[in-house]
PDB file of all heavy atoms in Angstrom:
ATOM      1  N   ILE A   1     -23.037  -2.109 -23.051  1.00  0.00           N
ATOM      2  CA  ILE A   1     -21.694  -2.578 -23.410  1.00  0.00           C
ATOM      3  C   ILE A   1     -21.527  -2.504 -24.932  1.00  0.00           C
ATOM      4  O   ILE A   1     -22.287  -3.113 -25.689  1.00  0.00           O
ATOM      5  CB  ILE A   1     -21.463  -4.039 -22.970  1.00  0.00           C
ATOM      6  CG1 ILE A   1     -21.870  -4.246 -21.507  1.00  0.00           C
ATOM      7  CG2 ILE A   1     -20.006  -4.431 -23.177  1.00  0.00           C
ATOM      8  CD1 ILE A   1     -21.899  -5.714 -21.088  1.00  0.00           C
ATOM      9  N   ASP A   2     -20.547  -1.756 -25.351  1.00  0.00           N
ATOM     10  CA  ASP A   2     -20.171  -1.689 -26.763  1.00  0.00           C
ATOM     11  C   ASP A   2     -18.964  -2.599 -26.963  1.00  0.00           C
ATOM     12  O   ASP A   2     -17.857  -2.284 -26.526  1.00  0.00           O
ATOM     13  CB  ASP A   2     -19.825  -0.245 -27.145  1.00  0.00           C
ATOM     14  CG  ASP A   2     -19.183  -0.135 -28.521  1.00  0.00           C
ATOM     15  OD1 ASP A   2     -19.473  -0.993 -29.373  1.00  0.00           O
ATOM     16  OD2 ASP A   2     -18.399   0.823 -28.732  1.00  0.00           O
ATOM     17  N   VAL A   3     -19.188  -3.737 -27.602  1.00  0.00           N
ATOM     18  CA  VAL A   3     -18.101  -4.681 -27.870  1.00  0.00           C
ATOM     19  C   VAL A   3     -17.600  -4.419 -29.293  1.00  0.00           C
ATOM     20  O   VAL A   3     -18.341  -4.589 -30.265  1.00  0.00           O
ATOM     21  CB  VAL A   3     -18.573  -6.143 -27.733  1.00  0.00           C
ATOM     22  CG1 VAL A   3     -17.378  -7.089 -27.863  1.00  0.00           C
ATOM     23  CG2 VAL A   3     -19.281  -6.369 -26.396  1.00  0.00           C
ATOM     24  N   PHE A   4     -16.339  -4.008 -29.407  1.00  0.00           N
ATOM     25  CA  PHE A   4     -15.812  -3.587 -30.704  1.00  0.00           C
ATOM     26  C   PHE A   4     -14.432  -4.197 -30.938  1.00  0.00           C
ATOM     27  O   PHE A   4     -13.842  -4.828 -30.061  1.00  0.00           O
ATOM     28  CB  PHE A   4     -15.711  -2.062 -30.752  1.00  0.00           C
ATOM     29  CG  PHE A   4     -14.619  -1.507 -29.875  1.00  0.00           C
ATOM     30  CD1 PHE A   4     -13.364  -1.207 -30.404  1.00  0.00           C
ATOM     31  CD2 PHE A   4     -14.829  -1.306 -28.513  1.00  0.00           C
ATOM     32  CE1 PHE A   4     -12.349  -0.716 -29.593  1.00  0.00           C
ATOM     33  CE2 PHE A   4     -13.811  -0.815 -27.700  1.00  0.00           C
ATOM     34  CZ  PHE A   4     -12.576  -0.526 -28.244  1.00  0.00           C
ATOM     35  N   THR A   5     -13.927  -3.993 -32.153  1.00  0.00           N
ATOM     36  CA  THR A   5     -12.518  -4.278 -32.442  1.00  0.00           C
ATOM     37  C   THR A   5     -11.951  -3.070 -33.175  1.00  0.00           C
ATOM     38  O   THR A   5     -12.699  -2.261 -33.751  1.00  0.00           O
ATOM     39  CB  THR A   5     -12.348  -5.524 -33.341  1.00  0.00           C
ATOM     40  OG1 THR A   5     -12.936  -5.257 -34.627  1.00  0.00           O
ATOM     41  CG2 THR A   5     -13.006  -6.739 -32.707  1.00  0.00           C
ATOM     42  N   THR A   6     -10.661  -2.938 -33.148  1.00  0.00           N
ATOM     43  CA  THR A   6     -10.036  -1.752 -33.753  1.00  0.00           C
ATOM     44  C   THR A   6     -10.147  -1.741 -35.271  1.00  0.00           C
ATOM     45  O   THR A   6     -10.090  -0.675 -35.887  1.00  0.00           O
ATOM     46  CB  THR A   6      -8.550  -1.678 -33.355  1.00  0.00           C
ATOM     47  OG1 THR A   6      -7.900  -2.904 -33.736  1.00  0.00           O
ATOM     48  CG2 THR A   6      -8.404  -1.480 -31.862  1.00  0.00           C
ATOM     49  N   TRP A   7     -10.318  -2.928 -35.886  1.00  0.00           N
ATOM     50  CA  TRP A   7     -10.376  -2.999 -37.357  1.00  0.00           C
ATOM     51  C   TRP A   7     -11.803  -2.944 -37.892  1.00  0.00           C
ATOM     52  O   TRP A   7     -12.018  -2.935 -39.103  1.00  0.00           O
ATOM     53  CB  TRP A   7      -9.707  -4.281 -37.855  1.00  0.00           C
ATOM     54  CG  TRP A   7     -10.142  -5.525 -37.127  1.00  0.00           C
ATOM     55  CD1 TRP A   7      -9.501  -6.147 -36.113  1.00  0.00           C
ATOM     56  CD2 TRP A   7     -11.347  -6.284 -37.355  1.00  0.00           C
ATOM     57  NE1 TRP A   7     -10.192  -7.252 -35.679  1.00  0.00           N
ATOM     58  CE2 TRP A   7     -11.346  -7.357 -36.432  1.00  0.00           C
ATOM     59  CE3 TRP A   7     -12.423  -6.174 -38.230  1.00  0.00           C
ATOM     60  CZ2 TRP A   7     -12.365  -8.303 -36.370  1.00  0.00           C
ATOM     61  CZ3 TRP A   7     -13.454  -7.115 -38.176  1.00  0.00           C
ATOM     62  CH2 TRP A   7     -13.417  -8.170 -37.251  1.00  0.00           C
ATOM     63  N   CYS A   8     -12.798  -2.902 -37.020  1.00  0.00           N
ATOM     64  CA  CYS A   8     -14.212  -2.991 -37.419  1.00  0.00           C
ATOM     65  C   CYS A   8     -14.731  -1.643 -37.921  1.00  0.00           C
ATOM     66  O   CYS A   8     -14.908  -0.692 -37.145  1.00  0.00           O
ATOM     67  CB  CYS A   8     -15.036  -3.473 -36.220  1.00  0.00           C
ATOM     68  SG  CYS A   8     -16.801  -3.257 -36.404  1.00  0.00           S
ATOM     69  N   LYS A   9     -15.004  -1.548 -39.221  1.00  0.00           N
ATOM     70  CA  LYS A   9     -15.493  -0.290 -39.809  1.00  0.00           C
ATOM     71  C   LYS A   9     -16.879   0.097 -39.303  1.00  0.00           C
ATOM     72  O   LYS A   9     -17.103   1.262 -38.956  1.00  0.00           O
ATOM     73  CB  LYS A   9     -15.493  -0.406 -41.338  1.00  0.00           C
ATOM     74  CG  LYS A   9     -15.846   0.906 -42.029  1.00  0.00           C
ATOM     75  CD  LYS A   9     -15.707   0.794 -43.541  1.00  0.00           C
ATOM     76  CE  LYS A   9     -16.060   2.113 -44.213  1.00  0.00           C
ATOM     77  NZ  LYS A   9     -15.924   2.035 -45.694  1.00  0.00           N
ATOM     78  N   PRO A  10     -17.856  -0.839 -39.234  1.00  0.00           N
ATOM     79  CA  PRO A  10     -19.168  -0.466 -38.684  1.00  0.00           C
ATOM     80  C   PRO A  10     -19.084   0.032 -37.238  1.00  0.00           C
ATOM     81  O   PRO A  10     -19.889   0.876 -36.827  1.00  0.00           O
ATOM     82  CB  PRO A  10     -19.983  -1.757 -38.782  1.00  0.00           C
ATOM     83  CG  PRO A  10     -19.333  -2.532 -39.878  1.00  0.00           C
ATOM     84  CD  PRO A  10     -17.882  -2.219 -39.773  1.00  0.00           C
ATOM     85  N   CYS A  11     -18.125  -0.481 -36.475  1.00  0.00           N
ATOM     86  CA  CYS A  11     -17.930  -0.004 -35.099  1.00  0.00           C
ATOM     87  C   CYS A  11     -17.587   1.484 -35.103  1.00  0.00           C
ATOM     88  O   CYS A  11     -18.105   2.262 -34.295  1.00  0.00           O
ATOM     89  CB  CYS A  11     -16.805  -0.762 -34.408  1.00  0.00           C
ATOM     90  SG  CYS A  11     -17.067  -2.540 -34.237  1.00  0.00           S
ATOM     91  N   LYS A  12     -16.719   1.872 -36.023  1.00  0.00           N
ATOM     92  CA  LYS A  12     -16.292   3.270 -36.109  1.00  0.00           C
ATOM     93  C   LYS A  12     -17.420   4.162 -36.595  1.00  0.00           C
ATOM     94  O   LYS A  12     -17.572   5.300 -36.137  1.00  0.00           O
ATOM     95  CB  LYS A  12     -15.074   3.373 -37.031  1.00  0.00           C
ATOM     96  CG  LYS A  12     -13.845   2.653 -36.485  1.00  0.00           C
ATOM     97  CD  LYS A  12     -12.676   2.683 -37.466  1.00  0.00           C
ATOM     98  CE  LYS A  12     -11.480   1.922 -36.917  1.00  0.00           C
ATOM     99  NZ  LYS A  12     -10.348   1.873 -37.873  1.00  0.00           N
ATOM    100  N   ILE A  13     -18.219   3.641 -37.529  1.00  0.00           N
ATOM    101  CA  ILE A  13     -19.368   4.418 -38.018  1.00  0.00           C
ATOM    102  C   ILE A  13     -20.376   4.635 -36.885  1.00  0.00           C
ATOM    103  O   ILE A  13     -20.903   5.739 -36.697  1.00  0.00           O
ATOM    104  CB  ILE A  13     -20.032   3.704 -39.213  1.00  0.00           C
ATOM    105  CG1 ILE A  13     -19.072   3.667 -40.404  1.00  0.00           C
ATOM    106  CG2 ILE A  13     -21.334   4.405 -39.605  1.00  0.00           C
ATOM    107  CD1 ILE A  13     -19.567   2.835 -41.572  1.00  0.00           C
ATOM    108  N   MET A  14     -20.648   3.572 -36.136  1.00  0.00           N
ATOM    109  CA  MET A  14     -21.579   3.679 -35.014  1.00  0.00           C
ATOM    110  C   MET A  14     -21.070   4.694 -33.989  1.00  0.00           C
ATOM    111  O   MET A  14     -21.839   5.523 -33.477  1.00  0.00           O
ATOM    112  CB  MET A  14     -21.769   2.319 -34.348  1.00  0.00           C
ATOM    113  CG  MET A  14     -22.756   2.330 -33.181  1.00  0.00           C
ATOM    114  SD  MET A  14     -23.044   0.670 -32.499  1.00  0.00           S
ATOM    115  CE  MET A  14     -21.465   0.381 -31.688  1.00  0.00           C
ATOM    116  N   ALA A  15     -19.781   4.638 -33.686  1.00  0.00           N
ATOM    117  CA  ALA A  15     -19.209   5.572 -32.722  1.00  0.00           C
ATOM    118  C   ALA A  15     -19.337   7.014 -33.202  1.00  0.00           C
ATOM    119  O   ALA A  15     -19.670   7.914 -32.425  1.00  0.00           O
ATOM    120  CB  ALA A  15     -17.745   5.227 -32.467  1.00  0.00           C
ATOM    121  N   ALA A  16     -19.098   7.232 -34.497  1.00  0.00           N
ATOM    122  CA  ALA A  16     -19.159   8.585 -35.046  1.00  0.00           C
ATOM    123  C   ALA A  16     -20.584   9.112 -35.133  1.00  0.00           C
ATOM    124  O   ALA A  16     -20.836  10.294 -34.881  1.00  0.00           O
ATOM    125  CB  ALA A  16     -18.503   8.606 -36.430  1.00  0.00           C
ATOM    126  N   GLU A  17     -21.524   8.228 -35.482  1.00  0.00           N
ATOM    127  CA  GLU A  17     -22.910   8.661 -35.676  1.00  0.00           C
ATOM    128  C   GLU A  17     -23.732   8.575 -34.392  1.00  0.00           C
ATOM    129  O   GLU A  17     -24.182   9.593 -33.853  1.00  0.00           O
ATOM    130  CB  GLU A  17     -23.570   7.818 -36.769  1.00  0.00           C
ATOM    131  CG  GLU A  17     -23.002   8.031 -38.156  1.00  0.00           C
ATOM    132  CD  GLU A  17     -23.711   7.200 -39.218  1.00  0.00           C
ATOM    133  OE1 GLU A  17     -24.566   6.350 -38.856  1.00  0.00           O
ATOM    134  OE2 GLU A  17     -23.421   7.407 -40.410  1.00  0.00           O
ATOM    135  N   ALA A  18     -23.934   7.378 -33.908  1.00  0.00           N
ATOM    136  CA  ALA A  18     -24.858   7.161 -32.791  1.00  0.00           C
ATOM    137  C   ALA A  18     -24.356   7.785 -31.491  1.00  0.00           C
ATOM    138  O   ALA A  18     -25.122   8.434 -30.770  1.00  0.00           O
ATOM    139  CB  ALA A  18     -25.096   5.667 -32.595  1.00  0.00           C
ATOM    140  N   PHE A  19     -23.077   7.619 -31.199  1.00  0.00           N
ATOM    141  CA  PHE A  19     -22.565   8.101 -29.918  1.00  0.00           C
ATOM    142  C   PHE A  19     -22.430   9.620 -29.883  1.00  0.00           C
ATOM    143  O   PHE A  19     -22.202  10.203 -28.822  1.00  0.00           O
ATOM    144  CB  PHE A  19     -21.231   7.447 -29.583  1.00  0.00           C
ATOM    145  CG  PHE A  19     -21.316   5.950 -29.389  1.00  0.00           C
ATOM    146  CD1 PHE A  19     -20.184   5.147 -29.498  1.00  0.00           C
ATOM    147  CD2 PHE A  19     -22.527   5.340 -29.094  1.00  0.00           C
ATOM    148  CE1 PHE A  19     -20.262   3.774 -29.311  1.00  0.00           C
ATOM    149  CE2 PHE A  19     -22.623   3.958 -28.912  1.00  0.00           C
ATOM    150  CZ  PHE A  19     -21.483   3.175 -29.027  1.00  0.00           C
ATOM    151  N   ASN A  20     -22.557  10.254 -31.039  1.00  0.00           N
ATOM    152  CA  ASN A  20     -22.521  11.716 -31.084  1.00  0.00           C
ATOM    153  C   ASN A  20     -23.894  12.324 -31.348  1.00  0.00           C
ATOM    154  O   ASN A  20     -24.016  13.546 -31.450  1.00  0.00           O
ATOM    155  CB  ASN A  20     -21.538  12.191 -32.165  1.00  0.00           C
ATOM    156  CG  ASN A  20     -20.097  12.013 -31.735  1.00  0.00           C
ATOM    157  OD1 ASN A  20     -19.673  12.574 -30.726  1.00  0.00           O
ATOM    158  ND2 ASN A  20     -19.333  11.227 -32.469  1.00  0.00           N
ATOM    159  N   ASP A  21     -24.911  11.467 -31.450  1.00  0.00           N
ATOM    160  CA  ASP A  21     -26.277  11.979 -31.609  1.00  0.00           C
ATOM    161  C   ASP A  21     -26.763  12.532 -30.274  1.00  0.00           C
ATOM    162  O   ASP A  21     -26.674  11.862 -29.236  1.00  0.00           O
ATOM    163  CB  ASP A  21     -27.207  10.864 -32.084  1.00  0.00           C
ATOM    164  CG  ASP A  21     -28.635  11.339 -32.266  1.00  0.00           C
ATOM    165  OD1 ASP A  21     -28.942  11.896 -33.326  1.00  0.00           O
ATOM    166  OD2 ASP A  21     -29.430  11.171 -31.312  1.00  0.00           O
ATOM    167  N   GLU A  22     -27.287  13.748 -30.279  1.00  0.00           N
ATOM    168  CA  GLU A  22     -27.633  14.430 -29.037  1.00  0.00           C
ATOM    169  C   GLU A  22     -28.686  13.677 -28.220  1.00  0.00           C
ATOM    170  O   GLU A  22     -28.539  13.504 -27.003  1.00  0.00           O
ATOM    171  CB  GLU A  22     -28.139  15.849 -29.353  1.00  0.00           C
ATOM    172  CG  GLU A  22     -28.385  16.700 -28.130  1.00  0.00           C
ATOM    173  CD  GLU A  22     -28.748  18.134 -28.488  1.00  0.00           C
ATOM    174  OE1 GLU A  22     -28.503  18.543 -29.646  1.00  0.00           O
ATOM    175  OE2 GLU A  22     -29.270  18.836 -27.608  1.00  0.00           O
ATOM    176  N   GLU A  23     -29.743  13.202 -28.868  1.00  0.00           N
ATOM    177  CA  GLU A  23     -30.813  12.529 -28.125  1.00  0.00           C
ATOM    178  C   GLU A  23     -30.339  11.173 -27.586  1.00  0.00           C
ATOM    179  O   GLU A  23     -30.619  10.807 -26.439  1.00  0.00           O
ATOM    180  CB  GLU A  23     -32.044  12.341 -29.002  1.00  0.00           C
ATOM    181  CG  GLU A  23     -33.228  11.754 -28.250  1.00  0.00           C
ATOM    182  CD  GLU A  23     -34.524  11.809 -29.041  1.00  0.00           C
ATOM    183  OE1 GLU A  23     -34.483  12.152 -30.246  1.00  0.00           O
ATOM    184  OE2 GLU A  23     -35.580  11.497 -28.460  1.00  0.00           O
ATOM    185  N   ILE A  24     -29.624  10.409 -28.417  1.00  0.00           N
ATOM    186  CA  ILE A  24     -29.096   9.118 -27.972  1.00  0.00           C
ATOM    187  C   ILE A  24     -28.141   9.304 -26.798  1.00  0.00           C
ATOM    188  O   ILE A  24     -28.228   8.598 -25.783  1.00  0.00           O
ATOM    189  CB  ILE A  24     -28.385   8.404 -29.138  1.00  0.00           C
ATOM    190  CG1 ILE A  24     -29.420   7.903 -30.153  1.00  0.00           C
ATOM    191  CG2 ILE A  24     -27.537   7.240 -28.633  1.00  0.00           C
ATOM    192  CD1 ILE A  24     -28.812   7.348 -31.428  1.00  0.00           C
ATOM    193  N   ALA A  25     -27.225  10.256 -26.935  1.00  0.00           N
ATOM    194  CA  ALA A  25     -26.245  10.488 -25.874  1.00  0.00           C
ATOM    195  C   ALA A  25     -26.931  10.863 -24.565  1.00  0.00           C
ATOM    196  O   ALA A  25     -26.555  10.375 -23.487  1.00  0.00           O
ATOM    197  CB  ALA A  25     -25.267  11.578 -26.299  1.00  0.00           C
ATOM    198  N   GLU A  26     -27.948  11.690 -24.649  1.00  0.00           N
ATOM    199  CA  GLU A  26     -28.630  12.119 -23.435  1.00  0.00           C
ATOM    200  C   GLU A  26     -29.330  10.952 -22.746  1.00  0.00           C
ATOM    201  O   GLU A  26     -29.257  10.792 -21.526  1.00  0.00           O
ATOM    202  CB  GLU A  26     -29.639  13.223 -23.759  1.00  0.00           C
ATOM    203  CG  GLU A  26     -30.244  13.867 -22.531  1.00  0.00           C
ATOM    204  CD  GLU A  26     -31.071  15.082 -22.859  1.00  0.00           C
ATOM    205  OE1 GLU A  26     -31.930  14.986 -23.767  1.00  0.00           O
ATOM    206  OE2 GLU A  26     -30.891  16.119 -22.218  1.00  0.00           O
ATOM    207  N   LEU A  27     -29.996  10.100 -23.523  1.00  0.00           N
ATOM    208  CA  LEU A  27     -30.655   8.932 -22.940  1.00  0.00           C
ATOM    209  C   LEU A  27     -29.640   7.977 -22.317  1.00  0.00           C
ATOM    210  O   LEU A  27     -29.833   7.482 -21.198  1.00  0.00           O
ATOM    211  CB  LEU A  27     -31.467   8.200 -24.014  1.00  0.00           C
ATOM    212  CG  LEU A  27     -32.732   8.878 -24.518  1.00  0.00           C
ATOM    213  CD1 LEU A  27     -33.349   8.069 -25.655  1.00  0.00           C
ATOM    214  CD2 LEU A  27     -33.744   9.055 -23.396  1.00  0.00           C
ATOM    215  N   MET A  28     -28.562   7.702 -23.025  1.00  0.00           N
ATOM    216  CA  MET A  28     -27.563   6.766 -22.521  1.00  0.00           C
ATOM    217  C   MET A  28     -26.857   7.310 -21.281  1.00  0.00           C
ATOM    218  O   MET A  28     -26.598   6.569 -20.330  1.00  0.00           O
ATOM    219  CB  MET A  28     -26.554   6.434 -23.619  1.00  0.00           C
ATOM    220  CG  MET A  28     -27.151   5.637 -24.780  1.00  0.00           C
ATOM    221  SD  MET A  28     -25.967   5.273 -26.108  1.00  0.00           S
ATOM    222  CE  MET A  28     -24.818   4.170 -25.278  1.00  0.00           C
ATOM    223  N   ASN A  29     -26.564   8.607 -21.273  1.00  0.00           N
ATOM    224  CA  ASN A  29     -25.882   9.196 -20.122  1.00  0.00           C
ATOM    225  C   ASN A  29     -26.791   9.303 -18.900  1.00  0.00           C
ATOM    226  O   ASN A  29     -26.316   9.313 -17.766  1.00  0.00           O
ATOM    227  CB  ASN A  29     -25.344  10.584 -20.488  1.00  0.00           C
ATOM    228  CG  ASN A  29     -24.247  10.540 -21.526  1.00  0.00           C
ATOM    229  OD1 ASN A  29     -23.583   9.523 -21.699  1.00  0.00           O
ATOM    230  ND2 ASN A  29     -24.053  11.630 -22.248  1.00  0.00           N
ATOM    231  N   THR A  30     -28.098   9.366 -19.142  1.00  0.00           N
ATOM    232  CA  THR A  30     -29.052   9.517 -18.040  1.00  0.00           C
ATOM    233  C   THR A  30     -29.427   8.182 -17.416  1.00  0.00           C
ATOM    234  O   THR A  30     -29.498   8.055 -16.190  1.00  0.00           O
ATOM    235  CB  THR A  30     -30.325  10.234 -18.528  1.00  0.00           C
ATOM    236  OG1 THR A  30     -29.982  11.511 -19.072  1.00  0.00           O
ATOM    237  CG2 THR A  30     -31.323  10.429 -17.389  1.00  0.00           C
ATOM    238  N   PHE A  31     -29.646   7.169 -18.241  1.00  0.00           N
ATOM    239  CA  PHE A  31     -30.238   5.920 -17.744  1.00  0.00           C
ATOM    240  C   PHE A  31     -29.306   4.716 -17.757  1.00  0.00           C
ATOM    241  O   PHE A  31     -29.659   3.662 -17.233  1.00  0.00           O
ATOM    242  CB  PHE A  31     -31.492   5.583 -18.570  1.00  0.00           C
ATOM    243  CG  PHE A  31     -32.562   6.631 -18.484  1.00  0.00           C
ATOM    244  CD1 PHE A  31     -32.812   7.487 -19.545  1.00  0.00           C
ATOM    245  CD2 PHE A  31     -33.313   6.777 -17.328  1.00  0.00           C
ATOM    246  CE1 PHE A  31     -33.795   8.456 -19.465  1.00  0.00           C
ATOM    247  CE2 PHE A  31     -34.307   7.737 -17.239  1.00  0.00           C
ATOM    248  CZ  PHE A  31     -34.544   8.597 -18.302  1.00  0.00           C
ATOM    249  N   LEU A  32     -28.127   4.855 -18.353  1.00  0.00           N
ATOM    250  CA  LEU A  32     -27.225   3.714 -18.502  1.00  0.00           C
ATOM    251  C   LEU A  32     -25.827   4.030 -17.996  1.00  0.00           C
ATOM    252  O   LEU A  32     -25.393   5.189 -18.025  1.00  0.00           O
ATOM    253  CB  LEU A  32     -27.129   3.304 -19.985  1.00  0.00           C
ATOM    254  CG  LEU A  32     -28.436   2.969 -20.709  1.00  0.00           C
ATOM    255  CD1 LEU A  32     -28.186   2.829 -22.202  1.00  0.00           C
ATOM    256  CD2 LEU A  32     -29.050   1.696 -20.149  1.00  0.00           C
ATOM    257  N   ILE A  33     -25.134   3.004 -17.540  1.00  0.00           N
ATOM    258  CA  ILE A  33     -23.691   3.086 -17.317  1.00  0.00           C
ATOM    259  C   ILE A  33     -23.055   2.485 -18.566  1.00  0.00           C
ATOM    260  O   ILE A  33     -23.250   1.305 -18.864  1.00  0.00           O
ATOM    261  CB  ILE A  33     -23.257   2.299 -16.069  1.00  0.00           C
ATOM    262  CG1 ILE A  33     -24.032   2.774 -14.841  1.00  0.00           C
ATOM    263  CG2 ILE A  33     -21.756   2.426 -15.860  1.00  0.00           C
ATOM    264  CD1 ILE A  33     -23.826   4.236 -14.487  1.00  0.00           C
TER     265      ILE A  33
END
């Protein structure tokens, strides 16, 4: 669960970096909903 707000800058950085990282995305898509 990613709990965010629209005004949160670190939330946007995390979304841009971590959620677009190939290895992270593959692990999350494989083992997590």
